């Protein structure tokens, strides 16, 4: 500390003081005003936000009372709608049962008719297949028997013999 007091120079002190005062004047002119304006704007913004919050709180209180009233009306309306829906459901169930029974009987009759038609078609197809199969078997047997000359002669003689007997 003593060294600072002994080495003190007035010229250096003068220039440092002059620069410091100039710096303060520059800051006052260019920095303090924008900083204070920003602080004031921020303060106004906070005041406006607080007022808006207070207004919103008051509005919420009003809305809550309206919501309670609307909710009560909605509950009464819902109960009435549920009662009407229950009555409609019972009526629809009864109508559906009678309609389903009628449709069921009609479907059973159609199914019986379709089964009968399919049965007849299947029998006709089976008869056709059996006749085709019989013809194919007879062709194969005849081919085997007629492939040999000796068996052809025997078959002709046998047929002639059968023809004479009749």
N, C-alpha and C. Protein backbone atom coordinates (compact mmCIF):
# COMPACT_ATOMS: atom_id res chain seq x y z
N UNK A 1 0.81 -1.17 0.00
CA UNK A 1 0.00 0.00 0.00
C UNK A 1 0.87 1.26 0.00
N UNK A 2 1.91 1.20 0.74
CA UNK A 2 2.83 2.33 0.82
C UNK A 2 3.47 2.60 -0.53
N UNK A 3 3.76 1.59 -1.25
CA UNK A 3 4.40 1.74 -2.55
C UNK A 3 3.48 2.51 -3.49
N UNK A 4 2.16 2.26 -3.42
CA UNK A 4 1.21 2.96 -4.26
C UNK A 4 1.20 4.46 -3.94
N UNK A 5 1.29 4.81 -2.70
CA UNK A 5 1.27 6.20 -2.29
C UNK A 5 2.56 6.88 -2.74
N UNK A 6 3.70 6.23 -2.66
CA UNK A 6 4.99 6.80 -3.04
C UNK A 6 5.10 6.96 -4.55
N UNK A 7 4.57 6.04 -5.33
CA UNK A 7 4.69 6.07 -6.78
C UNK A 7 3.55 6.85 -7.43
N UNK A 8 2.75 7.58 -6.70
CA UNK A 8 1.60 8.31 -7.22
C UNK A 8 2.06 9.40 -8.17
N UNK A 9 1.39 9.44 -9.39
CA UNK A 9 1.73 10.44 -10.39
C UNK A 9 0.46 11.20 -10.73
N UNK A 10 0.53 12.58 -10.69
CA UNK A 10 -0.64 13.40 -10.98
C UNK A 10 -0.99 13.38 -12.46
N UNK A 11 -0.02 13.28 -13.31
CA UNK A 11 -0.29 13.25 -14.76
C UNK A 11 -1.08 12.02 -15.15
N UNK A 12 -0.61 10.90 -14.65
CA UNK A 12 -1.31 9.63 -14.93
C UNK A 12 -2.70 9.66 -14.32
N UNK A 13 -2.84 10.19 -13.11
CA UNK A 13 -4.14 10.30 -12.44
C UNK A 13 -5.08 11.18 -13.23
N UNK A 14 -4.54 12.30 -13.78
CA UNK A 14 -5.35 13.21 -14.58
C UNK A 14 -5.89 12.52 -15.81
N UNK A 15 -5.03 11.83 -16.55
CA UNK A 15 -5.47 11.16 -17.79
C UNK A 15 -6.46 10.02 -17.48
N UNK A 16 -6.22 9.28 -16.46
CA UNK A 16 -7.13 8.19 -16.10
C UNK A 16 -8.49 8.74 -15.67
N UNK A 17 -8.48 9.85 -14.93
CA UNK A 17 -9.73 10.47 -14.51
C UNK A 17 -10.49 11.00 -15.71
N UNK A 18 -9.74 11.65 -16.65
CA UNK A 18 -10.36 12.19 -17.85
C UNK A 18 -10.99 11.07 -18.69
N UNK A 19 -10.27 9.98 -18.86
CA UNK A 19 -10.80 8.83 -19.64
C UNK A 19 -12.02 8.23 -18.92
N UNK A 20 -11.96 8.12 -17.60
CA UNK A 20 -13.07 7.56 -16.83
C UNK A 20 -14.32 8.43 -16.96
N UNK A 21 -14.15 9.75 -16.87
CA UNK A 21 -15.29 10.67 -17.00
C UNK A 21 -15.86 10.60 -18.41
N UNK A 22 -14.96 10.51 -19.43
CA UNK A 22 -15.42 10.38 -20.81
C UNK A 22 -16.20 9.08 -21.03
N UNK A 23 -15.68 8.04 -20.42
CA UNK A 23 -16.37 6.74 -20.52
C UNK A 23 -17.74 6.80 -19.87
N UNK A 24 -17.86 7.46 -18.74
CA UNK A 24 -19.15 7.58 -18.05
C UNK A 24 -20.12 8.39 -18.91
N UNK A 25 -19.61 9.49 -19.53
CA UNK A 25 -20.49 10.31 -20.37
C UNK A 25 -20.97 9.51 -21.59
N UNK A 26 -20.06 8.75 -22.21
CA UNK A 26 -20.45 7.91 -23.35
C UNK A 26 -21.48 6.85 -22.94
N UNK A 27 -21.22 6.24 -21.80
CA UNK A 27 -22.17 5.23 -21.31
C UNK A 27 -23.52 5.86 -21.00
N UNK A 28 -23.50 7.06 -20.42
CA UNK A 28 -24.76 7.72 -20.09
C UNK A 28 -25.54 8.03 -21.36
N UNK A 29 -24.82 8.51 -22.38
CA UNK A 29 -25.50 8.90 -23.61
C UNK A 29 -25.96 7.69 -24.41
N UNK A 30 -25.11 6.66 -24.54
CA UNK A 30 -25.43 5.56 -25.45
C UNK A 30 -25.91 4.28 -24.75
N UNK A 31 -25.53 4.02 -23.53
CA UNK A 31 -25.88 2.75 -22.90
C UNK A 31 -26.98 2.87 -21.86
N UNK A 32 -26.94 3.90 -20.99
CA UNK A 32 -27.91 3.99 -19.92
C UNK A 32 -29.33 4.18 -20.45
N UNK A 33 -29.49 5.00 -21.45
CA UNK A 33 -30.83 5.25 -21.97
C UNK A 33 -31.44 3.97 -22.54
N UNK A 34 -30.74 3.22 -23.41
CA UNK A 34 -31.34 1.96 -23.90
C UNK A 34 -31.59 0.95 -22.78
N UNK A 35 -30.66 0.91 -21.80
CA UNK A 35 -30.83 -0.04 -20.70
C UNK A 35 -32.05 0.34 -19.87
N UNK A 36 -32.20 1.63 -19.55
CA UNK A 36 -33.36 2.08 -18.77
C UNK A 36 -34.66 1.90 -19.55
N UNK A 37 -34.60 2.15 -20.87
CA UNK A 37 -35.80 1.92 -21.69
C UNK A 37 -36.20 0.45 -21.66
N UNK A 38 -35.22 -0.44 -21.78
CA UNK A 38 -35.51 -1.88 -21.76
C UNK A 38 -36.09 -2.28 -20.40
N UNK A 39 -35.52 -1.74 -19.33
CA UNK A 39 -36.02 -2.05 -17.98
C UNK A 39 -37.45 -1.54 -17.83
N UNK A 40 -37.72 -0.33 -18.32
CA UNK A 40 -39.07 0.23 -18.22
C UNK A 40 -40.07 -0.59 -19.06
N UNK A 41 -39.64 -1.01 -20.25
CA UNK A 41 -40.51 -1.85 -21.09
C UNK A 41 -40.81 -3.17 -20.38
N UNK A 42 -39.78 -3.73 -19.79
CA UNK A 42 -39.95 -5.00 -19.06
C UNK A 42 -40.93 -4.81 -17.90
N UNK A 43 -40.78 -3.69 -17.19
CA UNK A 43 -41.66 -3.41 -16.07
C UNK A 43 -43.11 -3.26 -16.54
N UNK A 44 -43.30 -2.56 -17.66
CA UNK A 44 -44.64 -2.40 -18.22
C UNK A 44 -45.20 -3.75 -18.66
N UNK A 45 -44.35 -4.56 -19.28
CA UNK A 45 -44.79 -5.90 -19.71
C UNK A 45 -45.22 -6.76 -18.54
N UNK A 46 -44.48 -6.68 -17.44
CA UNK A 46 -44.84 -7.45 -16.23
C UNK A 46 -46.16 -6.95 -15.66
N UNK A 47 -46.33 -5.59 -15.63
CA UNK A 47 -47.59 -5.04 -15.12
C UNK A 47 -48.77 -5.50 -15.99
N UNK A 48 -48.57 -5.46 -17.31
CA UNK A 48 -49.64 -5.90 -18.22
C UNK A 48 -49.93 -7.39 -18.04
N UNK A 49 -48.88 -8.17 -17.85
CA UNK A 49 -49.08 -9.61 -17.66
C UNK A 49 -49.85 -9.88 -16.37
N UNK A 50 -49.52 -9.13 -15.30
CA UNK A 50 -50.23 -9.30 -14.03
C UNK A 50 -51.70 -8.91 -14.17
N UNK A 51 -51.95 -7.81 -14.89
CA UNK A 51 -53.35 -7.40 -15.12
C UNK A 51 -54.09 -8.45 -15.94
N UNK A 52 -53.42 -8.97 -16.96
CA UNK A 52 -54.04 -10.01 -17.80
C UNK A 52 -54.33 -11.25 -16.97
N UNK A 53 -53.39 -11.61 -16.09
CA UNK A 53 -53.60 -12.79 -15.25
C UNK A 53 -54.79 -12.58 -14.31
N UNK A 54 -54.90 -11.37 -13.75
CA UNK A 54 -56.02 -11.07 -12.86
C UNK A 54 -57.34 -11.13 -13.62
N UNK A 55 -57.34 -10.56 -14.82
CA UNK A 55 -58.55 -10.61 -15.66
C UNK A 55 -58.90 -12.05 -16.02
N UNK A 56 -57.88 -12.83 -16.35
CA UNK A 56 -58.12 -14.23 -16.71
C UNK A 56 -58.68 -15.00 -15.52
N UNK A 57 -58.16 -14.71 -14.30
CA UNK A 57 -58.66 -15.39 -13.11
C UNK A 57 -60.13 -15.06 -12.88
N UNK A 58 -60.48 -13.77 -13.03
CA UNK A 58 -61.89 -13.36 -12.86
C UNK A 58 -62.77 -14.02 -13.92
N UNK A 59 -62.26 -14.05 -15.15
CA UNK A 59 -63.03 -14.68 -16.22
C UNK A 59 -63.20 -16.18 -15.97
N UNK A 60 -62.14 -16.82 -15.42
CA UNK A 60 -62.23 -18.25 -15.11
C UNK A 60 -63.31 -18.51 -14.05
N UNK A 61 -63.41 -17.62 -13.06
CA UNK A 61 -64.45 -17.78 -12.04
C UNK A 61 -65.83 -17.72 -12.69
N UNK A 62 -66.00 -16.75 -13.61
CA UNK A 62 -67.29 -16.63 -14.30
C UNK A 62 -67.55 -17.87 -15.16
N UNK A 63 -66.52 -18.33 -15.84
CA UNK A 63 -66.68 -19.51 -16.70
C UNK A 63 -67.00 -20.76 -15.89
N UNK A 64 -66.40 -20.87 -14.70
CA UNK A 64 -66.68 -22.04 -13.86
C UNK A 64 -68.15 -22.09 -13.46
N UNK A 65 -68.69 -20.95 -13.11
CA UNK A 65 -70.11 -20.95 -12.73
C UNK A 65 -70.98 -21.29 -13.95
N UNK A 66 -70.61 -20.74 -15.11
CA UNK A 66 -71.35 -21.08 -16.33
C UNK A 66 -71.21 -22.56 -16.66
N UNK A 67 -70.00 -23.08 -16.48
CA UNK A 67 -69.76 -24.50 -16.76
C UNK A 67 -70.59 -25.40 -15.86
N UNK A 68 -70.72 -25.02 -14.60
CA UNK A 68 -71.53 -25.83 -13.68
C UNK A 68 -72.99 -25.86 -14.14
N UNK A 69 -73.49 -24.70 -14.55
CA UNK A 69 -74.88 -24.64 -15.02
C UNK A 69 -75.04 -25.46 -16.30
N UNK A 70 -74.11 -25.29 -17.23
CA UNK A 70 -74.19 -26.04 -18.50
C UNK A 70 -74.06 -27.53 -18.25
N UNK A 71 -73.17 -27.91 -17.33
CA UNK A 71 -72.98 -29.32 -17.00
C UNK A 71 -74.25 -29.93 -16.42
N UNK A 72 -74.94 -29.17 -15.57
CA UNK A 72 -76.20 -29.66 -14.99
C UNK A 72 -77.24 -29.85 -16.08
N UNK A 73 -77.32 -28.88 -17.01
CA UNK A 73 -78.28 -29.01 -18.12
C UNK A 73 -77.93 -30.20 -19.01
N UNK A 74 -76.64 -30.39 -19.24
CA UNK A 74 -76.20 -31.50 -20.08
C UNK A 74 -76.53 -32.84 -19.42
N UNK A 75 -76.39 -32.92 -18.11
CA UNK A 75 -76.73 -34.18 -17.40
C UNK A 75 -78.22 -34.49 -17.54
N UNK A 76 -79.05 -33.47 -17.39
CA UNK A 76 -80.49 -33.70 -17.52
C UNK A 76 -80.82 -34.13 -18.95
N UNK A 77 -80.20 -33.48 -19.90
CA UNK A 77 -80.44 -33.83 -21.30
C UNK A 77 -79.95 -35.24 -21.60
N UNK A 78 -78.79 -35.60 -21.04
CA UNK A 78 -78.24 -36.94 -21.23
C UNK A 78 -79.18 -38.01 -20.66
N UNK A 79 -79.71 -37.74 -19.47
CA UNK A 79 -80.63 -38.71 -18.86
C UNK A 79 -81.86 -38.91 -19.74
N UNK A 80 -82.39 -37.82 -20.29
CA UNK A 80 -83.56 -37.92 -21.16
C UNK A 80 -83.21 -38.71 -22.42
N UNK A 81 -82.04 -38.43 -22.98
CA UNK A 81 -81.62 -39.14 -24.20
C UNK A 81 -81.41 -40.63 -23.92
N UNK A 82 -80.83 -40.95 -22.77
CA UNK A 82 -80.62 -42.36 -22.41
C UNK A 82 -81.96 -43.09 -22.27
N UNK A 83 -82.94 -42.42 -21.69
CA UNK A 83 -84.25 -43.04 -21.54
C UNK A 83 -84.87 -43.31 -22.92
N UNK A 84 -84.79 -42.30 -23.80
CA UNK A 84 -85.33 -42.46 -25.16
C UNK A 84 -84.58 -43.57 -25.90
N UNK A 85 -83.26 -43.60 -25.74
CA UNK A 85 -82.45 -44.61 -26.43
C UNK A 85 -82.79 -46.01 -25.93
N UNK A 86 -83.05 -46.14 -24.63
CA UNK A 86 -83.40 -47.44 -24.06
C UNK A 86 -84.73 -47.93 -24.64
N UNK A 87 -85.69 -47.02 -24.73
CA UNK A 87 -86.98 -47.40 -25.31
C UNK A 87 -86.83 -47.80 -26.78
N UNK A 88 -86.04 -47.03 -27.51
CA UNK A 88 -85.82 -47.35 -28.92
C UNK A 88 -85.10 -48.70 -29.07
N UNK A 89 -84.16 -48.97 -28.15
CA UNK A 89 -83.42 -50.23 -28.20
C UNK A 89 -84.37 -51.41 -28.02
N UNK A 90 -85.26 -51.30 -27.03
CA UNK A 90 -86.21 -52.39 -26.78
C UNK A 90 -87.10 -52.62 -28.00
N UNK A 91 -87.56 -51.55 -28.60
CA UNK A 91 -88.41 -51.67 -29.78
C UNK A 91 -87.64 -52.28 -30.95
N UNK A 92 -86.42 -51.83 -31.14
CA UNK A 92 -85.60 -52.35 -32.24
C UNK A 92 -85.28 -53.83 -32.04
N UNK A 93 -85.05 -54.22 -30.79
CA UNK A 93 -84.76 -55.63 -30.51
C UNK A 93 -85.96 -56.49 -30.85
N UNK A 94 -87.14 -56.03 -30.44
CA UNK A 94 -88.35 -56.79 -30.73
C UNK A 94 -88.58 -56.88 -32.24
N UNK A 95 -88.44 -55.76 -32.93
CA UNK A 95 -88.61 -55.77 -34.39
C UNK A 95 -87.58 -56.66 -35.06
N UNK A 96 -86.35 -56.59 -34.58
CA UNK A 96 -85.28 -57.40 -35.18
C UNK A 96 -85.53 -58.89 -34.97
N UNK A 97 -86.06 -59.26 -33.81
CA UNK A 97 -86.33 -60.67 -33.55
C UNK A 97 -87.37 -61.21 -34.53
N UNK A 98 -88.46 -60.46 -34.69
CA UNK A 98 -89.51 -60.94 -35.59
C UNK A 98 -89.00 -60.98 -37.03
N UNK A 99 -88.24 -59.97 -37.41
CA UNK A 99 -87.69 -59.94 -38.77
C UNK A 99 -86.68 -61.07 -38.96
N UNK A 100 -85.87 -61.32 -37.95
CA UNK A 100 -84.88 -62.39 -38.05
C UNK A 100 -85.54 -63.76 -38.16
N UNK A 101 -86.64 -63.95 -37.43
CA UNK A 101 -87.35 -65.23 -37.53
C UNK A 101 -87.91 -65.42 -38.93
N UNK A 102 -88.49 -64.37 -39.49
CA UNK A 102 -89.04 -64.46 -40.85
C UNK A 102 -87.94 -64.73 -41.86
N UNK A 103 -86.84 -64.01 -41.73
CA UNK A 103 -85.72 -64.20 -42.66
C UNK A 103 -85.12 -65.59 -42.49
N UNK A 104 -85.05 -66.05 -41.23
CA UNK A 104 -84.51 -67.39 -40.97
C UNK A 104 -85.34 -68.48 -41.62
N UNK A 105 -86.67 -68.38 -41.48
CA UNK A 105 -87.54 -69.37 -42.11
C UNK A 105 -87.40 -69.33 -43.63
N UNK A 106 -87.30 -68.13 -44.18
CA UNK A 106 -87.15 -68.00 -45.63
C UNK A 106 -85.81 -68.60 -46.08
N UNK A 107 -84.77 -68.37 -45.31
CA UNK A 107 -83.45 -68.91 -45.65
C UNK A 107 -83.44 -70.44 -45.56
N UNK A 108 -84.15 -70.97 -44.57
CA UNK A 108 -84.23 -72.44 -44.43
C UNK A 108 -84.92 -73.04 -45.65
N UNK A 109 -86.01 -72.40 -46.07
CA UNK A 109 -86.71 -72.90 -47.26
C UNK A 109 -85.82 -72.81 -48.50
N UNK A 110 -85.13 -71.71 -48.64
CA UNK A 110 -84.23 -71.57 -49.79
C UNK A 110 -83.11 -72.60 -49.73
N UNK A 111 -82.60 -72.85 -48.52
CA UNK A 111 -81.52 -73.82 -48.37
C UNK A 111 -82.03 -75.22 -48.73
N UNK A 112 -83.26 -75.56 -48.29
CA UNK A 112 -83.82 -76.87 -48.64
C UNK A 112 -83.95 -77.01 -50.15
N UNK A 113 -84.43 -75.95 -50.79
CA UNK A 113 -84.58 -75.98 -52.25
C UNK A 113 -83.23 -76.12 -52.92
N UNK A 114 -82.25 -75.37 -52.44
CA UNK A 114 -80.90 -75.44 -53.02
C UNK A 114 -80.29 -76.81 -52.80
N UNK A 115 -80.50 -77.40 -51.62
CA UNK A 115 -79.95 -78.73 -51.33
C UNK A 115 -80.58 -79.76 -52.27
N UNK A 116 -81.89 -79.66 -52.44
CA UNK A 116 -82.57 -80.61 -53.33
C UNK A 116 -82.04 -80.47 -54.76
N UNK A 117 -81.87 -79.23 -55.22
CA UNK A 117 -81.35 -79.00 -56.58
C UNK A 117 -79.92 -79.53 -56.70
N UNK A 118 -79.11 -79.30 -55.69
CA UNK A 118 -77.73 -79.79 -55.71
C UNK A 118 -77.70 -81.32 -55.69
N UNK A 119 -78.61 -81.91 -54.91
CA UNK A 119 -78.68 -83.38 -54.84
C UNK A 119 -79.04 -83.96 -56.21
N UNK A 120 -80.05 -83.33 -56.85
CA UNK A 120 -80.44 -83.81 -58.18
C UNK A 120 -79.32 -83.64 -59.18
N UNK A 121 -78.63 -82.51 -59.11
CA UNK A 121 -77.52 -82.27 -60.02
C UNK A 121 -76.39 -83.25 -59.77
N UNK A 122 -76.12 -83.53 -58.48
CA UNK A 122 -75.05 -84.47 -58.13
C UNK A 122 -75.40 -85.88 -58.61
N UNK A 123 -76.69 -86.28 -58.47
CA UNK A 123 -77.11 -87.61 -58.93
C UNK A 123 -76.97 -87.71 -60.44
N UNK A 124 -77.37 -86.66 -61.15
CA UNK A 124 -77.27 -86.68 -62.60
C UNK A 124 -75.80 -86.75 -63.02
N UNK A 125 -74.96 -86.00 -62.34
CA UNK A 125 -73.53 -86.04 -62.67
C UNK A 125 -72.94 -87.40 -62.34
N UNK A 126 -73.36 -87.99 -61.23
CA UNK A 126 -72.87 -89.32 -60.84
C UNK A 126 -73.29 -90.36 -61.87
N UNK A 127 -74.55 -90.28 -62.32
CA UNK A 127 -75.02 -91.22 -63.35
C UNK A 127 -74.20 -91.06 -64.62
N UNK A 128 -73.93 -89.81 -65.00
CA UNK A 128 -73.14 -89.58 -66.22
C UNK A 128 -71.73 -90.13 -66.05
N UNK A 129 -71.16 -89.95 -64.89
CA UNK A 129 -69.80 -90.45 -64.66
C UNK A 129 -69.78 -91.98 -64.66
N UNK A 130 -70.79 -92.58 -64.03
CA UNK A 130 -70.85 -94.05 -63.99
C UNK A 130 -71.00 -94.61 -65.41
N UNK A 131 -71.86 -93.97 -66.22
CA UNK A 131 -72.04 -94.46 -67.59
C UNK A 131 -70.76 -94.26 -68.40
N UNK A 132 -70.10 -93.13 -68.24
CA UNK A 132 -68.83 -92.91 -68.94
C UNK A 132 -67.78 -93.92 -68.50
N UNK A 133 -67.73 -94.19 -67.21
CA UNK A 133 -66.77 -95.15 -66.67
C UNK A 133 -67.08 -96.55 -67.19
N UNK A 134 -68.35 -96.91 -67.25
CA UNK A 134 -68.74 -98.22 -67.76
C UNK A 134 -68.34 -98.38 -69.22
N UNK A 135 -68.55 -97.31 -69.98
CA UNK A 135 -68.19 -97.35 -71.41
C UNK A 135 -66.68 -97.49 -71.56
N UNK A 136 -65.94 -96.74 -70.75
CA UNK A 136 -64.48 -96.82 -70.82
C UNK A 136 -63.99 -98.22 -70.45
N UNK A 137 -64.57 -98.81 -69.41
CA UNK A 137 -64.18 -100.17 -68.99
C UNK A 137 -64.49 -101.17 -70.10
N UNK A 138 -65.70 -101.03 -70.68
CA UNK A 138 -66.09 -101.95 -71.76
C UNK A 138 -65.15 -101.78 -72.96
N UNK A 139 -64.76 -100.53 -73.28
CA UNK A 139 -63.84 -100.31 -74.39
C UNK A 139 -62.51 -100.99 -74.12
N UNK A 140 -62.00 -100.84 -72.89
CA UNK A 140 -60.70 -101.44 -72.56
C UNK A 140 -60.77 -102.96 -72.63
N UNK A 141 -61.87 -103.52 -72.11
CA UNK A 141 -62.01 -105.00 -72.14
C UNK A 141 -62.08 -105.47 -73.58
N UNK A 142 -62.87 -104.77 -74.40
CA UNK A 142 -63.00 -105.17 -75.80
C UNK A 142 -61.68 -105.01 -76.55
N UNK A 143 -60.97 -103.96 -76.27
CA UNK A 143 -59.67 -103.77 -76.91
C UNK A 143 -58.74 -104.93 -76.57
N UNK A 144 -58.73 -105.30 -75.25
CA UNK A 144 -57.85 -106.40 -74.84
C UNK A 144 -58.28 -107.70 -75.51
N UNK A 145 -59.58 -107.96 -75.56
CA UNK A 145 -60.04 -109.22 -76.15
C UNK A 145 -59.90 -109.23 -77.67
N UNK A 146 -60.06 -108.07 -78.28
CA UNK A 146 -60.00 -108.03 -79.74
C UNK A 146 -58.59 -107.76 -80.26
N UNK A 147 -57.66 -107.60 -79.41
CA UNK A 147 -56.30 -107.34 -79.86
C UNK A 147 -55.63 -108.61 -80.41
N UNK A 148 -56.07 -109.70 -79.99
CA UNK A 148 -55.50 -110.98 -80.45
C UNK A 148 -56.47 -111.61 -81.46
N UNK A 149 -55.96 -112.12 -82.58
CA UNK A 149 -56.77 -112.68 -83.66
C UNK A 149 -57.49 -113.94 -83.18
N UNK A 150 -56.82 -114.72 -82.41
CA UNK A 150 -57.39 -115.98 -81.93
C UNK A 150 -58.58 -115.73 -81.01
N UNK A 151 -58.47 -114.74 -80.14
CA UNK A 151 -59.59 -114.42 -79.25
C UNK A 151 -60.74 -113.79 -80.03
N UNK A 152 -60.43 -113.09 -81.14
CA UNK A 152 -61.49 -112.52 -81.97
C UNK A 152 -62.31 -113.64 -82.59
N UNK A 153 -61.63 -114.64 -83.08
CA UNK A 153 -62.32 -115.77 -83.73
C UNK A 153 -63.19 -116.48 -82.70
N UNK A 154 -62.67 -116.71 -81.50
CA UNK A 154 -63.43 -117.39 -80.45
C UNK A 154 -64.65 -116.56 -80.06
N UNK A 155 -64.49 -115.27 -79.96
CA UNK A 155 -65.61 -114.41 -79.60
C UNK A 155 -66.69 -114.45 -80.67
N UNK A 156 -66.31 -114.42 -81.94
CA UNK A 156 -67.29 -114.47 -83.03
C UNK A 156 -68.01 -115.81 -83.00
N UNK A 157 -67.29 -116.90 -82.81
CA UNK A 157 -67.92 -118.23 -82.76
C UNK A 157 -68.88 -118.32 -81.58
N UNK A 158 -68.49 -117.78 -80.44
CA UNK A 158 -69.35 -117.80 -79.27
C UNK A 158 -70.60 -117.00 -79.52
N UNK A 159 -70.48 -115.85 -80.16
CA UNK A 159 -71.65 -115.04 -80.46
C UNK A 159 -72.57 -115.72 -81.45
N UNK A 160 -71.99 -116.37 -82.43
CA UNK A 160 -72.79 -117.12 -83.38
C UNK A 160 -73.51 -118.27 -82.68
N UNK A 161 -72.82 -118.89 -81.78
CA UNK A 161 -73.43 -119.99 -81.04
C UNK A 161 -74.57 -119.50 -80.17
N UNK A 162 -74.42 -118.35 -79.57
CA UNK A 162 -75.48 -117.78 -78.73
C UNK A 162 -76.67 -117.35 -79.60
N UNK A 163 -76.38 -116.89 -80.81
CA UNK A 163 -77.43 -116.43 -81.69
C UNK A 163 -78.27 -117.58 -82.17
N UNK A 164 -77.67 -118.75 -82.37
CA UNK A 164 -78.42 -119.91 -82.83
C UNK A 164 -79.32 -120.42 -81.75
N UNK A 165 -78.89 -120.31 -80.53
CA UNK A 165 -79.70 -120.85 -79.43
C UNK A 165 -80.96 -120.04 -79.21
N UNK A 166 -80.92 -118.82 -79.50
CA UNK A 166 -82.08 -117.97 -79.28
C UNK A 166 -83.04 -118.20 -80.35
